[in-house]
Amino acid sequence: MKRLSASAMAMSVLLCGAGFAQTPPLIDGAALAGPPPAADSPQAAADRLAMHPTTGAERMAQAVADLAFDPWLAFRPALGADFTAGRFPATARVLTAVTRALLGPINGAKDVYDRPRPYAADRAVMQCDTLPENASMGASYPTGHGAAGWAWALALAELAPARADAILQRGRDFGESRVICGYHFPSDIEAARLIAAGVIARLHAEPAFRRDLDAARREFARARPN
C-alpha cells in the first residue's frame, strides 16, 4: 500500500473535518496529466536545474506560509483579512467540494507514475523546513498542494471576478511555492494545474456544485456590494 503524501493527508483531514468521505474520481488524473518527464530527458534536466531558485526574503516567507494547506490563509492576501469560513459559509462548501473532487485524481496519478521527490536525490533543495531523516518520500507527480491552489483560485475567480487577477496570481504562486521549498519539480506543478482545471470543468456538470456556486456568488455580492 502506498503512503499518502503530506498534501493528500492534509486534503483528507480537511474533508473529514467537514464530514465528507472520499468519492470515486470525477476524472482520470493519470490520463489527463500524462507521464512525467523521463529521468534522462531534457525536460527532467530542466526540472532539476529549477530546484535551486534565487528567492528574496519576502517571497521565501510566503513560500513558508504556503506550506499550510488552507484556502482561507492562502487567499487572504487577495481577498482580505475578513476572508474566513465563518463569514463565507457557502464559499466554504464550494472549496470543500473542490478539494474533495481533487483527491482521487491526484492520488490516482501519483500511484500510477510514482515519481521520486526532488529531495530524494538532493536534500539540499529543501529551503523552507528541515526534512527528518526518516521522512516519507511520497510521490512527487503531480502535486496535491499545487492542484488545490489552482483549483481554489479558479473557483474563487468565478465568485469574485473583480479580484480575478489577484486571485489567479495567488493560486499560481501557491503552487510555485512548492518548487521554492523543494517539495516538487516545475513539471509536477504543470500537471497539477491540468488536473485542477479538469476537475473544475467536471464539477460544473454537477447540479449541487452549481447551486453552491450560485449561493457563494450571492454571498460575495452581499459581503462586497461594490
Protein backbone atom coordinates (compact mmCIF):
# COMPACT_ATOMS: atom_id res chain seq x y z
CA MET A 1 0.00 0.00 0.00
CA LYS A 2 1.34 3.43 -0.96
CA ARG A 3 1.71 6.05 1.75
CA LEU A 4 -0.24 9.27 1.35
CA SER A 5 1.72 12.42 0.63
CA ALA A 6 1.52 15.30 3.06
CA SER A 7 -0.84 17.11 0.70
CA ALA A 8 -3.10 14.09 0.39
CA MET A 9 -3.18 13.70 4.16
CA ALA A 10 -3.99 17.40 4.51
CA MET A 11 -6.80 17.04 1.99
CA SER A 12 -8.17 14.03 3.86
CA VAL A 13 -8.03 15.83 7.21
CA LEU A 14 -9.78 18.87 5.77
CA LEU A 15 -12.51 16.74 4.25
CA CYS A 16 -13.00 14.50 7.26
CA GLY A 17 -13.35 17.60 9.41
CA ALA A 18 -16.07 18.78 7.05
CA GLY A 19 -17.87 15.44 7.25
CA PHE A 20 -17.00 14.20 3.75
CA ALA A 21 -15.73 10.80 2.66
CA GLN A 22 -13.67 10.23 -0.47
CA THR A 23 -15.79 9.56 -3.58
CA PRO A 24 -14.96 7.91 -6.93
CA PRO A 25 -12.82 10.23 -9.10
CA LEU A 26 -14.70 12.55 -11.44
CA ILE A 27 -11.82 12.43 -13.95
CA ASP A 28 -8.85 10.18 -14.69
CA GLY A 29 -5.98 12.28 -13.36
CA ALA A 30 -3.25 9.98 -14.65
CA ALA A 31 -4.62 10.01 -18.20
CA LEU A 32 -5.17 13.77 -18.23
CA ALA A 33 -1.73 14.65 -16.87
CA GLY A 34 0.19 12.01 -18.80
CA PRO A 35 3.55 10.73 -17.55
CA PRO A 36 6.23 12.95 -16.02
CA PRO A 37 9.39 13.70 -17.99
CA ALA A 38 11.66 10.69 -18.40
CA ALA A 39 14.57 10.77 -15.97
CA ASP A 40 17.15 11.17 -18.75
CA SER A 41 15.19 13.73 -20.78
CA PRO A 42 16.00 17.42 -21.32
CA GLN A 43 12.73 18.27 -19.53
CA ALA A 44 13.84 16.37 -16.43
CA ALA A 45 17.22 18.09 -16.56
CA ALA A 46 15.45 21.46 -16.69
CA ASP A 47 13.33 20.40 -13.71
CA ARG A 48 16.45 19.62 -11.70
CA LEU A 49 18.08 22.93 -12.59
CA ALA A 50 14.98 24.79 -11.40
CA MET A 51 15.25 23.34 -7.91
CA HIS A 52 17.72 25.94 -6.60
CA PRO A 53 15.89 29.21 -7.26
CA THR A 54 17.25 32.55 -6.11
CA THR A 55 14.48 33.96 -3.95
CA GLY A 56 14.16 37.14 -1.91
CA ALA A 57 13.28 37.11 1.76
CA GLU A 58 9.68 38.22 1.21
CA ARG A 59 8.99 35.50 -1.36
CA MET A 60 10.67 32.91 0.82
CA ALA A 61 8.47 33.93 3.76
CA GLN A 62 5.40 33.49 1.55
CA ALA A 63 6.60 30.06 0.44
CA VAL A 64 6.94 29.03 4.08
CA ALA A 65 3.44 30.34 4.81
CA ASP A 66 2.16 28.36 1.82
CA LEU A 67 3.19 25.11 3.49
CA ALA A 68 -0.20 25.33 5.23
CA PHE A 69 -2.90 23.51 3.27
CA ASP A 70 -5.57 26.11 3.96
CA PRO A 71 -7.50 28.03 1.28
CA TRP A 72 -8.53 30.76 3.74
CA LEU A 73 -4.96 31.59 4.67
CA ALA A 74 -3.73 31.14 1.10
CA PHE A 75 -6.17 33.60 -0.46
CA ARG A 76 -6.46 36.16 2.30
CA PRO A 77 -3.74 38.28 0.61
CA ALA A 78 -6.01 38.54 -2.45
CA LEU A 79 -9.41 38.69 -0.74
CA GLY A 80 -8.77 40.50 2.53
CA ALA A 81 -8.47 39.77 6.22
CA ASP A 82 -12.20 39.07 6.52
CA PHE A 83 -11.98 36.10 4.13
CA THR A 84 -12.86 33.38 6.63
CA ALA A 85 -15.01 30.26 6.63
CA GLY A 86 -17.28 31.77 9.27
CA ARG A 87 -18.01 34.82 7.13
CA PHE A 88 -18.32 32.86 3.86
CA PRO A 89 -20.07 29.53 4.63
CA ALA A 90 -21.38 28.99 1.09
CA THR A 91 -17.88 29.58 -0.26
CA ALA A 92 -16.62 27.05 2.28
CA ARG A 93 -18.93 24.45 0.72
CA VAL A 94 -17.53 25.24 -2.72
CA LEU A 95 -13.91 24.97 -1.57
CA THR A 96 -14.61 21.72 0.25
CA ALA A 97 -16.27 20.25 -2.84
CA VAL A 98 -13.27 21.28 -4.96
CA THR A 99 -10.81 19.72 -2.52
CA ARG A 100 -12.88 16.56 -2.29
CA ALA A 101 -13.01 16.20 -6.08
CA LEU A 102 -9.23 16.61 -6.42
CA LEU A 103 -8.23 13.87 -4.02
CA GLY A 104 -9.00 10.87 -6.25
CA PRO A 105 -7.46 12.21 -9.50
CA ILE A 106 -4.31 13.44 -7.77
CA ASN A 107 -3.74 10.25 -5.79
CA GLY A 108 -4.53 8.15 -8.86
CA ALA A 109 -1.85 9.92 -10.88
CA LYS A 110 0.66 9.69 -8.04
CA ASP A 111 0.06 5.95 -7.75
CA VAL A 112 0.48 5.37 -11.49
CA TYR A 113 3.65 7.40 -12.00
CA ASP A 114 5.29 7.25 -8.54
CA ARG A 115 7.88 9.89 -9.39
CA PRO A 116 10.54 10.42 -6.69
CA ARG A 117 10.55 13.76 -4.90
CA PRO A 118 13.33 16.26 -5.72
CA TYR A 119 14.83 15.84 -2.24
CA ALA A 120 15.08 12.06 -2.67
CA ALA A 121 18.20 12.70 -4.76
CA ASP A 122 19.33 16.01 -3.28
CA ARG A 123 18.30 17.14 0.18
CA ALA A 124 19.98 20.47 -0.44
CA VAL A 125 16.92 21.57 -2.41
CA MET A 126 14.93 21.85 0.83
CA GLN A 127 14.65 25.54 1.72
CA CYS A 128 11.54 26.01 3.87
CA ASP A 129 12.00 23.44 6.60
CA THR A 130 14.24 20.60 7.73
CA LEU A 131 13.32 17.18 6.44
CA PRO A 132 13.59 14.43 9.07
CA GLU A 133 15.91 11.58 8.14
CA ASN A 134 13.02 9.09 8.30
CA ALA A 135 10.60 11.29 6.33
CA SER A 136 8.34 9.59 3.81
CA MET A 137 9.48 10.33 0.28
CA GLY A 138 5.94 10.14 -1.10
CA ALA A 139 5.29 10.71 -4.81
CA SER A 140 6.08 14.00 -6.49
CA TYR A 141 3.95 13.96 -9.64
CA PRO A 142 1.55 15.72 -9.62
CA THR A 143 1.43 17.99 -6.58
CA GLY A 144 -1.71 17.98 -4.45
CA HIS A 145 -0.81 21.38 -2.99
CA GLY A 146 -0.37 22.87 -6.44
CA ALA A 147 -3.58 21.32 -7.77
CA ALA A 148 -5.59 22.59 -4.82
CA GLY A 149 -4.14 26.09 -5.06
CA TRP A 150 -5.01 26.36 -8.74
CA ALA A 151 -8.47 24.79 -8.39
CA TRP A 152 -9.30 27.03 -5.43
CA ALA A 153 -8.16 30.02 -7.49
CA LEU A 154 -10.31 29.07 -10.49
CA ALA A 155 -13.38 28.70 -8.29
CA LEU A 156 -12.75 31.91 -6.34
CA ALA A 157 -12.13 33.89 -9.53
CA GLU A 158 -15.67 33.00 -10.58
CA LEU A 159 -17.04 34.21 -7.28
CA ALA A 160 -15.09 37.48 -7.18
CA PRO A 161 -14.38 38.40 -10.82
CA ALA A 162 -13.28 41.92 -9.88
CA ARG A 163 -10.39 40.30 -7.96
CA ALA A 164 -9.69 37.57 -10.53
CA ASP A 165 -6.19 38.78 -11.45
CA ALA A 166 -5.03 38.83 -7.82
CA ILE A 167 -6.74 35.52 -7.05
CA LEU A 168 -5.20 33.71 -10.02
CA GLN A 169 -1.76 35.15 -9.26
CA ARG A 170 -2.09 33.93 -5.69
CA GLY A 171 -3.12 30.45 -6.93
CA ARG A 172 -0.12 30.35 -9.25
CA ASP A 173 2.26 31.48 -6.52
CA PHE A 174 0.83 28.94 -4.07
CA GLY A 175 1.85 26.15 -6.43
CA GLU A 176 5.23 27.65 -7.24
CA SER A 177 5.99 27.83 -3.53
CA ARG A 178 6.31 24.04 -3.69
CA VAL A 179 9.25 24.39 -6.09
CA ILE A 180 10.85 27.13 -3.97
CA CYS A 181 10.56 24.95 -0.87
CA GLY A 182 11.98 21.90 -2.66
CA TYR A 183 8.97 19.61 -2.47
CA HIS A 184 8.13 19.44 -6.18
CA PHE A 185 9.53 19.89 -9.67
CA PRO A 186 8.04 22.52 -12.03
CA SER A 187 6.51 19.78 -14.20
CA ASP A 188 4.69 18.47 -11.11
CA ILE A 189 3.02 21.89 -10.87
CA GLU A 190 2.11 21.94 -14.57
CA ALA A 191 0.46 18.52 -14.33
CA ALA A 192 -1.39 19.57 -11.20
CA ARG A 193 -2.85 22.61 -12.95
CA LEU A 194 -4.13 20.42 -15.77
CA ILE A 195 -5.88 18.16 -13.29
CA ALA A 196 -7.23 21.14 -11.34
CA ALA A 197 -8.73 22.67 -14.48
CA GLY A 198 -10.23 19.31 -15.46
CA VAL A 199 -11.80 18.83 -12.05
CA ILE A 200 -13.29 22.33 -12.04
CA ALA A 201 -14.73 21.80 -15.52
CA ARG A 202 -16.22 18.46 -14.50
CA LEU A 203 -17.68 19.88 -11.27
CA HIS A 204 -19.66 22.39 -13.33
CA ALA A 205 -21.70 19.46 -14.62
CA GLU A 206 -22.87 18.71 -11.07
CA PRO A 207 -26.15 20.47 -10.13
CA ALA A 208 -25.26 20.56 -6.42
CA PHE A 209 -21.96 22.27 -7.17
CA ARG A 210 -23.63 24.85 -9.41
CA ARG A 211 -26.14 25.59 -6.66
CA ASP A 212 -23.33 26.09 -4.17
CA LEU A 213 -21.54 28.39 -6.64
CA ASP A 214 -24.69 30.48 -7.05
CA ALA A 215 -25.08 30.74 -3.27
CA ALA A 216 -21.42 31.72 -2.92
CA ARG A 217 -21.77 34.41 -5.60
CA ARG A 218 -24.65 35.93 -3.68
CA GLU A 219 -22.56 35.69 -0.52
CA PHE A 220 -19.69 37.63 -2.12
CA ALA A 221 -22.10 40.21 -3.55
CA ARG A 222 -23.53 40.85 -0.07
CA ALA A 223 -20.09 41.00 1.54
CA ARG A 224 -18.62 43.28 -1.15
CA PRO A 225 -21.55 45.12 -2.75
CA ASN A 226 -19.36 47.50 -4.72
